[in-house]
Amino acid sequence: MLVNARSDQHHTKDGCMSDPSPNHVGRRDFWIVFVLFLGYIVSIGPMQSLHYRGYVAGGSWRTDRAYSPIVWISDHGPEPIQTAIYWYVRLFDPSYSPYRTHGGVI
């Protein structure tokens, strides 16, 4: 069994190592960028939690310059996207419970 020392190389039919095709590299790069972008978007919730607990100064994720593109989208984007952003961030508010009713907590 051949051990692949470099993860970016592949075995050909004759057992030789070859460099990956440009299509494979492009696909891998796409997924790396996609995961990083998704992590950036999802990080606004935990950042807001750190603001609420006083670990990060500023009071809100909206005041962090790192999140200015998301702030712009939450102010100028389509209504469903604005609602989704605020709903997600609010989930990290310790005083908020999505199961709260007018008569109390379920």
N, C-alpha and C. Protein backbone atom coordinates (compact mmCIF):
# COMPACT_ATOMS: atom_id res chain seq x y z
N MET A 1 0.86 -1.18 0.00
CA MET A 1 0.00 0.00 0.00
C MET A 1 0.89 1.23 0.00
N LEU A 2 0.63 2.14 -0.89
CA LEU A 2 1.40 3.37 -0.97
C LEU A 2 0.81 4.41 -0.03
N VAL A 3 1.68 5.08 0.69
CA VAL A 3 1.23 6.14 1.58
C VAL A 3 1.44 7.45 0.85
N ASN A 4 0.41 8.22 0.78
CA ASN A 4 0.46 9.50 0.10
C ASN A 4 1.04 10.53 1.05
N ALA A 5 2.27 10.96 0.82
CA ALA A 5 2.93 11.91 1.71
C ALA A 5 2.36 13.31 1.54
N ARG A 6 1.96 13.64 0.35
CA ARG A 6 1.36 14.95 0.11
C ARG A 6 -0.10 14.76 -0.23
N SER A 7 -0.96 15.45 0.48
CA SER A 7 -2.39 15.25 0.27
C SER A 7 -2.86 15.85 -1.05
N ASP A 8 -2.04 16.71 -1.68
CA ASP A 8 -2.48 17.32 -2.92
C ASP A 8 -2.00 16.56 -4.16
N GLN A 9 -1.48 15.35 -3.98
CA GLN A 9 -1.06 14.53 -5.10
C GLN A 9 -1.92 13.27 -5.16
N HIS A 10 -2.04 12.72 -6.35
CA HIS A 10 -2.88 11.54 -6.55
C HIS A 10 -2.07 10.47 -7.28
N HIS A 11 -2.47 9.22 -7.08
CA HIS A 11 -1.84 8.11 -7.78
C HIS A 11 -2.49 7.93 -9.15
N THR A 12 -1.66 7.71 -10.16
CA THR A 12 -2.19 7.38 -11.48
C THR A 12 -2.35 5.87 -11.55
N LYS A 13 -2.84 5.36 -12.68
CA LYS A 13 -3.06 3.92 -12.82
C LYS A 13 -1.77 3.12 -12.71
N ASP A 14 -0.65 3.71 -13.12
CA ASP A 14 0.62 2.98 -13.05
C ASP A 14 1.31 3.16 -11.69
N GLY A 15 0.67 3.81 -10.73
CA GLY A 15 1.22 3.93 -9.39
C GLY A 15 2.06 5.17 -9.17
N CYS A 16 2.27 5.96 -10.19
CA CYS A 16 3.06 7.18 -10.06
C CYS A 16 2.21 8.29 -9.44
N MET A 17 2.90 9.21 -8.79
CA MET A 17 2.20 10.36 -8.21
C MET A 17 2.06 11.43 -9.28
N SER A 18 0.95 12.10 -9.28
CA SER A 18 0.74 13.21 -10.22
C SER A 18 0.13 14.38 -9.47
N ASP A 19 0.33 15.56 -9.98
CA ASP A 19 -0.29 16.73 -9.38
C ASP A 19 -1.78 16.71 -9.69
N PRO A 20 -2.59 17.29 -8.80
CA PRO A 20 -4.04 17.29 -9.04
C PRO A 20 -4.40 18.15 -10.24
N SER A 21 -5.53 17.85 -10.79
CA SER A 21 -6.00 18.63 -11.93
C SER A 21 -6.40 20.03 -11.46
N PRO A 22 -6.37 21.01 -12.34
CA PRO A 22 -6.80 22.35 -11.94
C PRO A 22 -8.24 22.38 -11.44
N ASN A 23 -9.08 21.50 -11.95
CA ASN A 23 -10.47 21.44 -11.50
C ASN A 23 -10.54 21.02 -10.04
N HIS A 24 -9.71 20.06 -9.65
CA HIS A 24 -9.71 19.59 -8.26
C HIS A 24 -9.21 20.70 -7.33
N VAL A 25 -8.17 21.40 -7.73
CA VAL A 25 -7.63 22.49 -6.91
C VAL A 25 -8.67 23.59 -6.77
N GLY A 26 -9.34 23.93 -7.85
CA GLY A 26 -10.37 24.95 -7.80
C GLY A 26 -11.52 24.58 -6.89
N ARG A 27 -11.91 23.32 -6.92
CA ARG A 27 -12.99 22.85 -6.06
C ARG A 27 -12.58 22.92 -4.59
N ARG A 28 -11.36 22.49 -4.30
CA ARG A 28 -10.86 22.54 -2.92
C ARG A 28 -10.79 23.98 -2.44
N ASP A 29 -10.28 24.87 -3.26
CA ASP A 29 -10.20 26.28 -2.88
C ASP A 29 -11.57 26.88 -2.67
N PHE A 30 -12.53 26.50 -3.50
CA PHE A 30 -13.90 26.97 -3.32
C PHE A 30 -14.43 26.58 -1.95
N TRP A 31 -14.26 25.32 -1.56
CA TRP A 31 -14.78 24.85 -0.28
C TRP A 31 -14.07 25.51 0.90
N ILE A 32 -12.78 25.77 0.75
CA ILE A 32 -12.05 26.46 1.83
C ILE A 32 -12.62 27.86 2.01
N VAL A 33 -12.80 28.58 0.92
CA VAL A 33 -13.36 29.94 1.00
C VAL A 33 -14.80 29.89 1.51
N PHE A 34 -15.58 28.93 1.06
CA PHE A 34 -16.97 28.81 1.51
C PHE A 34 -17.06 28.57 3.01
N VAL A 35 -16.24 27.67 3.54
CA VAL A 35 -16.26 27.37 4.98
C VAL A 35 -15.81 28.59 5.78
N LEU A 36 -14.79 29.28 5.33
CA LEU A 36 -14.34 30.49 6.02
C LEU A 36 -15.43 31.56 6.01
N PHE A 37 -16.09 31.75 4.88
CA PHE A 37 -17.17 32.73 4.78
C PHE A 37 -18.33 32.35 5.69
N LEU A 38 -18.70 31.10 5.69
CA LEU A 38 -19.79 30.63 6.55
C LEU A 38 -19.42 30.81 8.03
N GLY A 39 -18.17 30.51 8.37
CA GLY A 39 -17.72 30.73 9.75
C GLY A 39 -17.79 32.19 10.15
N TYR A 40 -17.46 33.08 9.22
CA TYR A 40 -17.55 34.52 9.48
C TYR A 40 -19.00 34.92 9.75
N ILE A 41 -19.90 34.46 8.92
CA ILE A 41 -21.32 34.80 9.09
C ILE A 41 -21.85 34.26 10.43
N VAL A 42 -21.55 33.03 10.72
CA VAL A 42 -22.07 32.37 11.92
C VAL A 42 -21.44 32.95 13.20
N SER A 43 -20.29 33.58 13.10
CA SER A 43 -19.61 34.08 14.29
C SER A 43 -20.27 35.30 14.90
N ILE A 44 -21.23 35.92 14.21
CA ILE A 44 -21.87 37.10 14.80
C ILE A 44 -22.67 36.73 16.04
N GLY A 45 -23.23 35.55 16.10
CA GLY A 45 -24.00 35.14 17.28
C GLY A 45 -23.12 35.01 18.52
N PRO A 46 -22.05 34.21 18.47
CA PRO A 46 -21.17 34.13 19.64
C PRO A 46 -20.53 35.47 20.00
N MET A 47 -20.24 36.31 19.00
CA MET A 47 -19.68 37.63 19.30
C MET A 47 -20.69 38.47 20.07
N GLN A 48 -21.95 38.39 19.69
CA GLN A 48 -22.96 39.13 20.43
C GLN A 48 -23.07 38.60 21.86
N SER A 49 -22.94 37.31 22.04
CA SER A 49 -22.96 36.73 23.38
C SER A 49 -21.81 37.28 24.22
N LEU A 50 -20.64 37.41 23.62
CA LEU A 50 -19.50 38.00 24.35
C LEU A 50 -19.76 39.46 24.70
N HIS A 51 -20.43 40.18 23.82
CA HIS A 51 -20.80 41.57 24.12
C HIS A 51 -21.77 41.62 25.30
N TYR A 52 -22.80 40.78 25.27
CA TYR A 52 -23.80 40.77 26.34
C TYR A 52 -23.17 40.47 27.69
N ARG A 53 -22.20 39.60 27.73
CA ARG A 53 -21.57 39.19 28.98
C ARG A 53 -20.44 40.13 29.41
N GLY A 54 -20.11 41.11 28.59
CA GLY A 54 -19.11 42.10 28.95
C GLY A 54 -17.68 41.71 28.66
N TYR A 55 -17.46 40.63 27.93
CA TYR A 55 -16.09 40.22 27.58
C TYR A 55 -15.50 41.07 26.45
N VAL A 56 -16.37 41.66 25.63
CA VAL A 56 -15.92 42.49 24.52
C VAL A 56 -16.62 43.84 24.67
N ALA A 57 -15.85 44.91 24.60
CA ALA A 57 -16.42 46.25 24.73
C ALA A 57 -17.21 46.62 23.48
N GLY A 58 -18.13 47.53 23.64
CA GLY A 58 -18.88 48.03 22.49
C GLY A 58 -20.36 47.80 22.58
N GLY A 59 -20.81 46.79 23.24
CA GLY A 59 -22.23 46.58 23.47
C GLY A 59 -22.99 45.81 22.41
N SER A 60 -22.48 45.73 21.18
CA SER A 60 -23.24 45.04 20.14
C SER A 60 -22.32 44.63 19.00
N TRP A 61 -22.72 43.59 18.30
CA TRP A 61 -21.98 43.16 17.12
C TRP A 61 -22.04 44.22 16.03
N ARG A 62 -23.05 45.07 16.09
CA ARG A 62 -23.21 46.11 15.08
C ARG A 62 -22.13 47.18 15.18
N THR A 63 -21.46 47.30 16.32
CA THR A 63 -20.41 48.31 16.49
C THR A 63 -19.03 47.78 16.10
N ASP A 64 -18.89 46.49 15.85
CA ASP A 64 -17.61 45.91 15.45
C ASP A 64 -17.37 46.18 13.97
N ARG A 65 -16.23 46.76 13.67
CA ARG A 65 -15.92 47.07 12.27
C ARG A 65 -15.77 45.79 11.44
N ALA A 66 -15.38 44.71 12.08
CA ALA A 66 -15.21 43.45 11.34
C ALA A 66 -16.53 42.97 10.74
N TYR A 67 -17.64 43.36 11.35
CA TYR A 67 -18.95 42.90 10.87
C TYR A 67 -19.67 43.97 10.05
N SER A 68 -18.98 45.00 9.60
CA SER A 68 -19.65 46.07 8.86
C SER A 68 -20.36 45.58 7.59
N PRO A 69 -19.84 44.57 6.85
CA PRO A 69 -20.63 44.09 5.70
C PRO A 69 -21.96 43.46 6.12
N ILE A 70 -21.96 42.75 7.24
CA ILE A 70 -23.21 42.14 7.70
C ILE A 70 -24.15 43.21 8.25
N VAL A 71 -23.60 44.24 8.90
CA VAL A 71 -24.42 45.35 9.38
C VAL A 71 -25.09 46.04 8.19
N TRP A 72 -24.32 46.25 7.11
CA TRP A 72 -24.89 46.89 5.93
C TRP A 72 -26.03 46.04 5.37
N ILE A 73 -25.82 44.73 5.28
CA ILE A 73 -26.86 43.83 4.76
C ILE A 73 -28.08 43.86 5.68
N SER A 74 -27.85 43.89 7.00
CA SER A 74 -28.98 43.89 7.93
C SER A 74 -29.75 45.21 7.88
N ASP A 75 -29.11 46.28 7.40
CA ASP A 75 -29.80 47.57 7.26
C ASP A 75 -30.43 47.78 5.89
N HIS A 76 -29.78 47.27 4.82
CA HIS A 76 -30.21 47.57 3.47
C HIS A 76 -30.64 46.36 2.65
N GLY A 77 -30.50 45.18 3.21
CA GLY A 77 -30.83 43.96 2.47
C GLY A 77 -32.32 43.70 2.43
N PRO A 78 -32.73 42.64 1.74
CA PRO A 78 -34.15 42.28 1.70
C PRO A 78 -34.67 41.95 3.11
N GLU A 79 -35.93 42.21 3.30
CA GLU A 79 -36.56 42.02 4.62
C GLU A 79 -36.36 40.62 5.19
N PRO A 80 -36.50 39.53 4.41
CA PRO A 80 -36.29 38.20 4.99
C PRO A 80 -34.86 37.99 5.51
N ILE A 81 -33.88 38.56 4.81
CA ILE A 81 -32.49 38.42 5.27
C ILE A 81 -32.27 39.24 6.53
N GLN A 82 -32.82 40.44 6.58
CA GLN A 82 -32.72 41.27 7.79
C GLN A 82 -33.32 40.54 8.99
N THR A 83 -34.49 39.98 8.78
CA THR A 83 -35.18 39.26 9.86
C THR A 83 -34.37 38.05 10.30
N ALA A 84 -33.81 37.32 9.36
CA ALA A 84 -33.02 36.14 9.71
C ALA A 84 -31.78 36.52 10.51
N ILE A 85 -31.11 37.60 10.13
CA ILE A 85 -29.92 38.02 10.86
C ILE A 85 -30.27 38.40 12.29
N TYR A 86 -31.30 39.22 12.46
CA TYR A 86 -31.68 39.63 13.81
C TYR A 86 -32.19 38.46 14.65
N TRP A 87 -32.91 37.54 14.03
CA TRP A 87 -33.38 36.36 14.76
C TRP A 87 -32.19 35.54 15.25
N TYR A 88 -31.22 35.31 14.37
CA TYR A 88 -30.06 34.50 14.75
C TYR A 88 -29.26 35.16 15.87
N VAL A 89 -29.00 36.46 15.76
CA VAL A 89 -28.23 37.15 16.78
C VAL A 89 -28.98 37.15 18.10
N ARG A 90 -30.28 37.29 18.04
CA ARG A 90 -31.08 37.33 19.27
C ARG A 90 -31.06 36.00 20.02
N LEU A 91 -30.82 34.90 19.31
CA LEU A 91 -30.72 33.61 19.98
C LEU A 91 -29.60 33.57 21.02
N PHE A 92 -28.61 34.44 20.86
CA PHE A 92 -27.46 34.47 21.77
C PHE A 92 -27.64 35.47 22.90
N ASP A 93 -28.79 36.14 22.96
CA ASP A 93 -29.11 37.05 24.05
C ASP A 93 -29.54 36.22 25.25
N PRO A 94 -28.84 36.32 26.38
CA PRO A 94 -29.20 35.48 27.52
C PRO A 94 -30.60 35.74 28.07
N SER A 95 -31.16 36.92 27.83
CA SER A 95 -32.50 37.21 28.34
C SER A 95 -33.60 36.77 27.38
N TYR A 96 -33.23 36.29 26.20
CA TYR A 96 -34.21 35.89 25.19
C TYR A 96 -34.42 34.39 25.22
N SER A 97 -35.68 33.99 25.16
CA SER A 97 -36.01 32.58 25.02
C SER A 97 -36.97 32.44 23.84
N PRO A 98 -36.62 31.64 22.85
CA PRO A 98 -37.53 31.49 21.71
C PRO A 98 -38.82 30.78 22.10
N TYR A 99 -38.88 30.21 23.31
CA TYR A 99 -40.07 29.48 23.75
C TYR A 99 -40.94 30.30 24.69
N ARG A 100 -40.64 31.58 24.82
CA ARG A 100 -41.39 32.44 25.72
C ARG A 100 -42.77 32.75 25.12
N THR A 101 -43.79 32.72 25.95
CA THR A 101 -45.13 33.07 25.53
C THR A 101 -45.61 34.24 26.36
N HIS A 102 -46.79 34.74 26.09
CA HIS A 102 -47.31 35.86 26.88
C HIS A 102 -47.62 35.45 28.31
N GLY A 103 -47.91 34.20 28.53
CA GLY A 103 -48.26 33.74 29.85
C GLY A 103 -47.07 33.22 30.65
N GLY A 104 -45.90 33.17 30.08
CA GLY A 104 -44.71 32.67 30.78
C GLY A 104 -43.89 31.79 29.88
N VAL A 105 -42.98 31.07 30.48
CA VAL A 105 -42.10 30.19 29.72
C VAL A 105 -42.72 28.84 29.61
N ILE A 106 -42.66 28.24 28.44
CA ILE A 106 -43.24 26.91 28.24
C ILE A 106 -42.35 25.88 28.91
